[in-house]
Amino acid sequence: MKNFQTGLWRLADPKISITSVASMAIGAAMAYRDGDFSWLWLAVLAVAMFCMEVAKNAWGDIFDYDSGTDLAVLPEDRTDF
């Protein structure tokens, strides 16, 4: 289970996903200011945003592997990013 959680966390890539979270927070703040705010819909949006970020990053990793881009990088040049 730990490997699954670690893999999911790496696919979520918080350093990249922060831009999506920031835009969601701005939109939520604007909705709250206008009085048209729902905690339930914010939670649904947060889960959906997380799933989209994971899918986007996973698709990029799959494409890089299938295209040979990942395999072209020498082992000594690889990083965690």
PDB file of N, CA and C in Angstrom:
ATOM      1  N   MET A   1       0.826  -1.198   0.000  1.00  0.00           N
ATOM      2  CA  MET A   1       0.000   0.000   0.000  1.00  0.00           C
ATOM      3  C   MET A   1       0.869   1.261   0.000  1.00  0.00           C
ATOM      4  N   LYS A   2       2.009   1.187   0.689  1.00  0.00           N
ATOM      5  CA  LYS A   2       2.889   2.358   0.743  1.00  0.00           C
ATOM      6  C   LYS A   2       3.420   2.713  -0.635  1.00  0.00           C
ATOM      7  N   ASN A   3       3.763   1.698  -1.454  1.00  0.00           N
ATOM      8  CA  ASN A   3       4.241   1.973  -2.801  1.00  0.00           C
ATOM      9  C   ASN A   3       3.170   2.645  -3.643  1.00  0.00           C
ATOM     10  N   PHE A   4       1.911   2.231  -3.472  1.00  0.00           N
ATOM     11  CA  PHE A   4       0.811   2.852  -4.207  1.00  0.00           C
ATOM     12  C   PHE A   4       0.666   4.317  -3.818  1.00  0.00           C
ATOM     13  N   GLN A   5       0.710   4.592  -2.519  1.00  0.00           N
ATOM     14  CA  GLN A   5       0.578   5.968  -2.041  1.00  0.00           C
ATOM     15  C   GLN A   5       1.746   6.830  -2.513  1.00  0.00           C
ATOM     16  N   THR A   6       2.944   6.278  -2.482  1.00  0.00           N
ATOM     17  CA  THR A   6       4.115   7.016  -2.946  1.00  0.00           C
ATOM     18  C   THR A   6       4.003   7.305  -4.439  1.00  0.00           C
ATOM     19  N   GLY A   7       3.576   6.309  -5.207  1.00  0.00           N
ATOM     20  CA  GLY A   7       3.406   6.507  -6.644  1.00  0.00           C
ATOM     21  C   GLY A   7       2.333   7.525  -6.962  1.00  0.00           C
ATOM     22  N   LEU A   8       1.229   7.470  -6.240  1.00  0.00           N
ATOM     23  CA  LEU A   8       0.144   8.430  -6.450  1.00  0.00           C
ATOM     24  C   LEU A   8       0.603   9.841  -6.103  1.00  0.00           C
ATOM     25  N   TRP A   9       1.352   9.970  -5.030  1.00  0.00           N
ATOM     26  CA  TRP A   9       1.869  11.286  -4.624  1.00  0.00           C
ATOM     27  C   TRP A   9       2.819  11.837  -5.689  1.00  0.00           C
ATOM     28  N   ARG A  10       3.653  10.963  -6.255  1.00  0.00           N
ATOM     29  CA  ARG A  10       4.570  11.412  -7.311  1.00  0.00           C
ATOM     30  C   ARG A  10       3.812  11.801  -8.575  1.00  0.00           C
ATOM     31  N   LEU A  11       2.742  11.070  -8.883  1.00  0.00           N
ATOM     32  CA  LEU A  11       1.933  11.438 -10.051  1.00  0.00           C
ATOM     33  C   LEU A  11       1.168  12.737  -9.816  1.00  0.00           C
ATOM     34  N   ALA A  12       0.744  12.971  -8.584  1.00  0.00           N
ATOM     35  CA  ALA A  12       0.036  14.217  -8.270  1.00  0.00           C
ATOM     36  C   ALA A  12       0.974  15.409  -8.428  1.00  0.00           C
ATOM     37  N   ASP A  13       2.254  15.230  -8.158  1.00  0.00           N
ATOM     38  CA  ASP A  13       3.301  16.232  -8.342  1.00  0.00           C
ATOM     39  C   ASP A  13       2.895  17.597  -7.775  1.00  0.00           C
ATOM     40  N   PRO A  14       2.872  17.714  -6.445  1.00  0.00           N
ATOM     41  CA  PRO A  14       2.386  18.936  -5.810  1.00  0.00           C
ATOM     42  C   PRO A  14       3.087  20.217  -6.264  1.00  0.00           C
ATOM     43  N   LYS A  15       4.352  20.126  -6.639  1.00  0.00           N
ATOM     44  CA  LYS A  15       5.046  21.351  -7.063  1.00  0.00           C
ATOM     45  C   LYS A  15       4.487  21.901  -8.369  1.00  0.00           C
ATOM     46  N   ILE A  16       3.861  21.055  -9.178  1.00  0.00           N
ATOM     47  CA  ILE A  16       3.234  21.486 -10.426  1.00  0.00           C
ATOM     48  C   ILE A  16       1.745  21.772 -10.207  1.00  0.00           C
ATOM     49  N   SER A  17       1.094  20.963  -9.401  1.00  0.00           N
ATOM     50  CA  SER A  17      -0.351  21.079  -9.191  1.00  0.00           C
ATOM     51  C   SER A  17      -0.741  22.321  -8.409  1.00  0.00           C
ATOM     52  N   ILE A  18       0.222  23.001  -7.805  1.00  0.00           N
ATOM     53  CA  ILE A  18      -0.088  24.168  -6.985  1.00  0.00           C
ATOM     54  C   ILE A  18      -0.762  25.260  -7.809  1.00  0.00           C
ATOM     55  N   THR A  19      -0.477  25.343  -9.098  1.00  0.00           N
ATOM     56  CA  THR A  19      -1.124  26.361  -9.929  1.00  0.00           C
ATOM     57  C   THR A  19      -2.617  26.085 -10.069  1.00  0.00           C
ATOM     58  N   SER A  20      -2.982  24.826 -10.185  1.00  0.00           N
ATOM     59  CA  SER A  20      -4.407  24.477 -10.257  1.00  0.00           C
ATOM     60  C   SER A  20      -5.099  24.767  -8.936  1.00  0.00           C
ATOM     61  N   VAL A  21      -4.433  24.472  -7.839  1.00  0.00           N
ATOM     62  CA  VAL A  21      -5.007  24.738  -6.518  1.00  0.00           C
ATOM     63  C   VAL A  21      -5.174  26.242  -6.310  1.00  0.00           C
ATOM     64  N   ALA A  22      -4.197  27.016  -6.760  1.00  0.00           N
ATOM     65  CA  ALA A  22      -4.281  28.470  -6.603  1.00  0.00           C
ATOM     66  C   ALA A  22      -5.466  29.044  -7.374  1.00  0.00           C
ATOM     67  N   SER A  23      -5.655  28.591  -8.608  1.00  0.00           N
ATOM     68  CA  SER A  23      -6.793  29.108  -9.381  1.00  0.00           C
ATOM     69  C   SER A  23      -8.119  28.672  -8.775  1.00  0.00           C
ATOM     70  N   MET A  24      -8.170  27.464  -8.228  1.00  0.00           N
ATOM     71  CA  MET A  24      -9.380  26.990  -7.568  1.00  0.00           C
ATOM     72  C   MET A  24      -9.657  27.831  -6.319  1.00  0.00           C
ATOM     73  N   ALA A  25      -8.625  28.177  -5.568  1.00  0.00           N
ATOM     74  CA  ALA A  25      -8.795  28.988  -4.361  1.00  0.00           C
ATOM     75  C   ALA A  25      -9.288  30.396  -4.703  1.00  0.00           C
ATOM     76  N   ILE A  26      -8.772  30.969  -5.776  1.00  0.00           N
ATOM     77  CA  ILE A  26      -9.221  32.300  -6.195  1.00  0.00           C
ATOM     78  C   ILE A  26     -10.694  32.256  -6.598  1.00  0.00           C
ATOM     79  N   GLY A  27     -11.067  31.244  -7.371  1.00  0.00           N
ATOM     80  CA  GLY A  27     -12.466  31.097  -7.766  1.00  0.00           C
ATOM     81  C   GLY A  27     -13.379  30.882  -6.568  1.00  0.00           C
ATOM     82  N   ALA A  28     -12.935  30.090  -5.605  1.00  0.00           N
ATOM     83  CA  ALA A  28     -13.732  29.848  -4.397  1.00  0.00           C
ATOM     84  C   ALA A  28     -13.885  31.135  -3.592  1.00  0.00           C
ATOM     85  N   ALA A  29     -12.808  31.921  -3.507  1.00  0.00           N
ATOM     86  CA  ALA A  29     -12.875  33.190  -2.770  1.00  0.00           C
ATOM     87  C   ALA A  29     -13.851  34.158  -3.435  1.00  0.00           C
ATOM     88  N   MET A  30     -13.845  34.174  -4.766  1.00  0.00           N
ATOM     89  CA  MET A  30     -14.770  35.057  -5.487  1.00  0.00           C
ATOM     90  C   MET A  30     -16.221  34.601  -5.300  1.00  0.00           C
ATOM     91  N   ALA A  31     -16.444  33.290  -5.334  1.00  0.00           N
ATOM     92  CA  ALA A  31     -17.795  32.768  -5.114  1.00  0.00           C
ATOM     93  C   ALA A  31     -18.257  33.062  -3.693  1.00  0.00           C
ATOM     94  N   TYR A  32     -17.360  32.931  -2.728  1.00  0.00           N
ATOM     95  CA  TYR A  32     -17.700  33.220  -1.335  1.00  0.00           C
ATOM     96  C   TYR A  32     -18.058  34.694  -1.165  1.00  0.00           C
ATOM     97  N   ARG A  33     -17.276  35.554  -1.809  1.00  0.00           N
ATOM     98  CA  ARG A  33     -17.535  36.991  -1.730  1.00  0.00           C
ATOM     99  C   ARG A  33     -18.910  37.342  -2.302  1.00  0.00           C
ATOM    100  N   ASP A  34     -19.280  36.692  -3.384  1.00  0.00           N
ATOM    101  CA  ASP A  34     -20.566  36.978  -4.027  1.00  0.00           C
ATOM    102  C   ASP A  34     -21.738  36.274  -3.350  1.00  0.00           C
ATOM    103  N   GLY A  35     -21.459  35.434  -2.366  1.00  0.00           N
ATOM    104  CA  GLY A  35     -22.512  34.757  -1.622  1.00  0.00           C
ATOM    105  C   GLY A  35     -23.042  33.506  -2.297  1.00  0.00           C
ATOM    106  N   ASP A  36     -22.379  33.049  -3.352  1.00  0.00           N
ATOM    107  CA  ASP A  36     -22.818  31.858  -4.080  1.00  0.00           C
ATOM    108  C   ASP A  36     -21.765  30.755  -3.899  1.00  0.00           C
ATOM    109  N   PHE A  37     -21.590  30.313  -2.663  1.00  0.00           N
ATOM    110  CA  PHE A  37     -20.506  29.393  -2.311  1.00  0.00           C
ATOM    111  C   PHE A  37     -21.069  28.122  -1.688  1.00  0.00           C
ATOM    112  N   SER A  38     -20.472  26.980  -2.052  1.00  0.00           N
ATOM    113  CA  SER A  38     -20.893  25.705  -1.491  1.00  0.00           C
ATOM    114  C   SER A  38     -19.649  24.889  -1.131  1.00  0.00           C
ATOM    115  N   TRP A  39     -19.549  24.502   0.129  1.00  0.00           N
ATOM    116  CA  TRP A  39     -18.421  23.669   0.549  1.00  0.00           C
ATOM    117  C   TRP A  39     -18.451  22.315  -0.147  1.00  0.00           C
ATOM    118  N   LEU A  40     -19.638  21.797  -0.375  1.00  0.00           N
ATOM    119  CA  LEU A  40     -19.775  20.505  -1.050  1.00  0.00           C
ATOM    120  C   LEU A  40     -19.192  20.579  -2.463  1.00  0.00           C
ATOM    121  N   TRP A  41     -19.563  21.608  -3.226  1.00  0.00           N
ATOM    122  CA  TRP A  41     -19.059  21.723  -4.592  1.00  0.00           C
ATOM    123  C   TRP A  41     -17.556  22.021  -4.611  1.00  0.00           C
ATOM    124  N   LEU A  42     -17.062  22.717  -3.605  1.00  0.00           N
ATOM    125  CA  LEU A  42     -15.616  22.950  -3.527  1.00  0.00           C
ATOM    126  C   LEU A  42     -14.888  21.627  -3.296  1.00  0.00           C
ATOM    127  N   ALA A  43     -15.445  20.772  -2.444  1.00  0.00           N
ATOM    128  CA  ALA A  43     -14.835  19.457  -2.196  1.00  0.00           C
ATOM    129  C   ALA A  43     -14.881  18.587  -3.456  1.00  0.00           C
ATOM    130  N   VAL A  44     -16.011  18.603  -4.161  1.00  0.00           N
ATOM    131  CA  VAL A  44     -16.126  17.843  -5.417  1.00  0.00           C
ATOM    132  C   VAL A  44     -15.110  18.358  -6.426  1.00  0.00           C
ATOM    133  N   LEU A  45     -14.990  19.667  -6.539  1.00  0.00           N
ATOM    134  CA  LEU A  45     -14.023  20.266  -7.457  1.00  0.00           C
ATOM    135  C   LEU A  45     -12.594  19.888  -7.078  1.00  0.00           C
ATOM    136  N   ALA A  46     -12.275  19.871  -5.786  1.00  0.00           N
ATOM    137  CA  ALA A  46     -10.925  19.523  -5.342  1.00  0.00           C
ATOM    138  C   ALA A  46     -10.577  18.076  -5.717  1.00  0.00           C
ATOM    139  N   VAL A  47     -11.518  17.171  -5.526  1.00  0.00           N
ATOM    140  CA  VAL A  47     -11.288  15.769  -5.899  1.00  0.00           C
ATOM    141  C   VAL A  47     -11.128  15.636  -7.416  1.00  0.00           C
ATOM    142  N   ALA A  48     -11.988  16.324  -8.164  1.00  0.00           N
ATOM    143  CA  ALA A  48     -11.907  16.280  -9.623  1.00  0.00           C
ATOM    144  C   ALA A  48     -10.590  16.869 -10.110  1.00  0.00           C
ATOM    145  N   MET A  49     -10.165  17.974  -9.511  1.00  0.00           N
ATOM    146  CA  MET A  49      -8.912  18.615  -9.901  1.00  0.00           C
ATOM    147  C   MET A  49      -7.730  17.687  -9.611  1.00  0.00           C
ATOM    148  N   PHE A  50      -7.758  17.018  -8.468  1.00  0.00           N
ATOM    149  CA  PHE A  50      -6.700  16.069  -8.122  1.00  0.00           C
ATOM    150  C   PHE A  50      -6.635  14.941  -9.148  1.00  0.00           C
ATOM    151  N   CYS A  51      -7.796  14.395  -9.490  1.00  0.00           N
ATOM    152  CA  CYS A  51      -7.846  13.294 -10.474  1.00  0.00           C
ATOM    153  C   CYS A  51      -7.343  13.749 -11.841  1.00  0.00           C
ATOM    154  N   MET A  52      -7.714  14.955 -12.264  1.00  0.00           N
ATOM    155  CA  MET A  52      -7.233  15.469 -13.561  1.00  0.00           C
ATOM    156  C   MET A  52      -5.728  15.673 -13.553  1.00  0.00           C
ATOM    157  N   GLU A  53      -5.186  16.179 -12.455  1.00  0.00           N
ATOM    158  CA  GLU A  53      -3.739  16.391 -12.368  1.00  0.00           C
ATOM    159  C   GLU A  53      -2.986  15.057 -12.427  1.00  0.00           C
ATOM    160  N   VAL A  54      -3.476  14.058 -11.704  1.00  0.00           N
ATOM    161  CA  VAL A  54      -2.841  12.737 -11.717  1.00  0.00           C
ATOM    162  C   VAL A  54      -2.909  12.141 -13.120  1.00  0.00           C
ATOM    163  N   ALA A  55      -4.067  12.229 -13.759  1.00  0.00           N
ATOM    164  CA  ALA A  55      -4.219  11.681 -15.112  1.00  0.00           C
ATOM    165  C   ALA A  55      -3.312  12.402 -16.104  1.00  0.00           C
ATOM    166  N   LYS A  56      -3.222  13.714 -16.001  1.00  0.00           N
ATOM    167  CA  LYS A  56      -2.367  14.501 -16.900  1.00  0.00           C
ATOM    168  C   LYS A  56      -0.904  14.108 -16.738  1.00  0.00           C
ATOM    169  N   ASN A  57      -0.459  14.006 -15.514  1.00  0.00           N
ATOM    170  CA  ASN A  57       0.939  13.653 -15.268  1.00  0.00           C
ATOM    171  C   ASN A  57       1.238  12.209 -15.663  1.00  0.00           C
ATOM    172  N   ALA A  58       0.294  11.309 -15.420  1.00  0.00           N
ATOM    173  CA  ALA A  58       0.492   9.910 -15.803  1.00  0.00           C
ATOM    174  C   ALA A  58       0.566   9.785 -17.320  1.00  0.00           C
ATOM    175  N   TRP A  59      -0.307  10.495 -18.020  1.00  0.00           N
ATOM    176  CA  TRP A  59      -0.291  10.448 -19.481  1.00  0.00           C
ATOM    177  C   TRP A  59       1.042  10.969 -20.019  1.00  0.00           C
ATOM    178  N   GLY A  60       1.567  12.035 -19.420  1.00  0.00           N
ATOM    179  CA  GLY A  60       2.864  12.563 -19.838  1.00  0.00           C
ATOM    180  C   GLY A  60       3.977  11.550 -19.620  1.00  0.00           C
ATOM    181  N   ASP A  61       3.953  10.863 -18.498  1.00  0.00           N
ATOM    182  CA  ASP A  61       4.970   9.844 -18.219  1.00  0.00           C
ATOM    183  C   ASP A  61       4.868   8.678 -19.196  1.00  0.00           C
ATOM    184  N   ILE A  62       3.653   8.260 -19.485  1.00  0.00           N
ATOM    185  CA  ILE A  62       3.461   7.159 -20.435  1.00  0.00           C
ATOM    186  C   ILE A  62       3.953   7.570 -21.819  1.00  0.00           C
ATOM    187  N   PHE A  63       3.615   8.771 -22.248  1.00  0.00           N
ATOM    188  CA  PHE A  63       4.045   9.255 -23.559  1.00  0.00           C
ATOM    189  C   PHE A  63       5.569   9.334 -23.639  1.00  0.00           C
ATOM    190  N   ASP A  64       6.207   9.867 -22.588  1.00  0.00           N
ATOM    191  CA  ASP A  64       7.677   9.965 -22.581  1.00  0.00           C
ATOM    192  C   ASP A  64       8.323   8.589 -22.651  1.00  0.00           C
ATOM    193  N   TYR A  65       7.762   7.617 -21.962  1.00  0.00           N
ATOM    194  CA  TYR A  65       8.329   6.270 -21.993  1.00  0.00           C
ATOM    195  C   TYR A  65       8.118   5.624 -23.359  1.00  0.00           C
ATOM    196  N   ASP A  66       6.873   5.707 -23.874  1.00  0.00           N
ATOM    197  CA  ASP A  66       6.561   5.079 -25.170  1.00  0.00           C
ATOM    198  C   ASP A  66       7.338   5.707 -26.326  1.00  0.00           C
ATOM    199  N   SER A  67       7.576   7.015 -26.255  1.00  0.00           N
ATOM    200  CA  SER A  67       8.280   7.689 -27.345  1.00  0.00           C
ATOM    201  C   SER A  67       9.780   7.468 -27.284  1.00  0.00           C
ATOM    202  N   GLY A  68      10.264   6.926 -26.167  1.00  0.00           N
ATOM    203  CA  GLY A  68      11.688   6.670 -26.020  1.00  0.00           C
ATOM    204  C   GLY A  68      12.451   7.811 -25.369  1.00  0.00           C
ATOM    205  N   THR A  69      11.763   8.885 -25.052  1.00  0.00           N
ATOM    206  CA  THR A  69      12.426  10.032 -24.436  1.00  0.00           C
ATOM    207  C   THR A  69      13.077   9.652 -23.109  1.00  0.00           C
ATOM    208  N   ASP A  70      12.349   8.934 -22.259  1.00  0.00           N
ATOM    209  CA  ASP A  70      12.902   8.524 -20.968  1.00  0.00           C
ATOM    210  C   ASP A  70      14.078   7.570 -21.128  1.00  0.00           C
ATOM    211  N   LEU A  71      14.013   6.707 -22.123  1.00  0.00           N
ATOM    212  CA  LEU A  71      15.068   5.724 -22.317  1.00  0.00           C
ATOM    213  C   LEU A  71      16.338   6.350 -22.881  1.00  0.00           C
ATOM    214  N   ALA A  72      16.227   7.523 -23.492  1.00  0.00           N
ATOM    215  CA  ALA A  72      17.381   8.192 -24.084  1.00  0.00           C
ATOM    216  C   ALA A  72      18.237   8.912 -23.042  1.00  0.00           C
ATOM    217  N   VAL A  73      17.709   9.105 -21.844  1.00  0.00           N
ATOM    218  CA  VAL A  73      18.451   9.793 -20.787  1.00  0.00           C
ATOM    219  C   VAL A  73      19.371   8.796 -20.092  1.00  0.00           C
ATOM    220  N   LEU A  74      20.635   9.135 -20.009  1.00  0.00           N
ATOM    221  CA  LEU A  74      21.603   8.262 -19.357  1.00  0.00           C
ATOM    222  C   LEU A  74      21.317   8.177 -17.861  1.00  0.00           C
ATOM    223  N   PRO A  75      21.572   7.030 -17.248  1.00  0.00           N
ATOM    224  CA  PRO A  75      21.276   6.859 -15.819  1.00  0.00           C
ATOM    225  C   PRO A  75      21.919   7.928 -14.932  1.00  0.00           C
ATOM    226  N   GLU A  76      23.112   8.361 -15.257  1.00  0.00           N
ATOM    227  CA  GLU A  76      23.782   9.372 -14.413  1.00  0.00           C
ATOM    228  C   GLU A  76      23.194  10.764 -14.589  1.00  0.00           C
ATOM    229  N   ASP A  77      22.381  10.965 -15.628  1.00  0.00           N
ATOM    230  CA  ASP A  77      21.743  12.258 -15.862  1.00  0.00           C
ATOM    231  C   ASP A  77      20.315  12.323 -15.341  1.00  0.00           C
ATOM    232  N   ARG A  78      19.795  11.231 -14.813  1.00  0.00           N
ATOM    233  CA  ARG A  78      18.409  11.200 -14.335  1.00  0.00           C
ATOM    234  C   ARG A  78      18.299  11.816 -12.955  1.00  0.00           C
ATOM    235  N   THR A  79      17.160  12.468 -12.735  1.00  0.00           N
ATOM    236  CA  THR A  79      16.845  13.041 -11.420  1.00  0.00           C
ATOM    237  C   THR A  79      15.458  12.558 -11.022  1.00  0.00           C
ATOM    238  N   ASP A  80      15.040  12.899  -9.814  1.00  0.00           N
ATOM    239  CA  ASP A  80      13.702  12.531  -9.355  1.00  0.00           C
ATOM    240  C   ASP A  80      12.625  13.345 -10.066  1.00  0.00           C
ATOM    241  N   PHE A  81      13.024  14.386 -10.767  1.00  0.00           N
ATOM    242  CA  PHE A  81      12.041  15.253 -11.433  1.00  0.00           C
ATOM    243  C   PHE A  81      11.966  14.893 -12.879  1.00  0.00           C
TER     244      PHE A  81
END
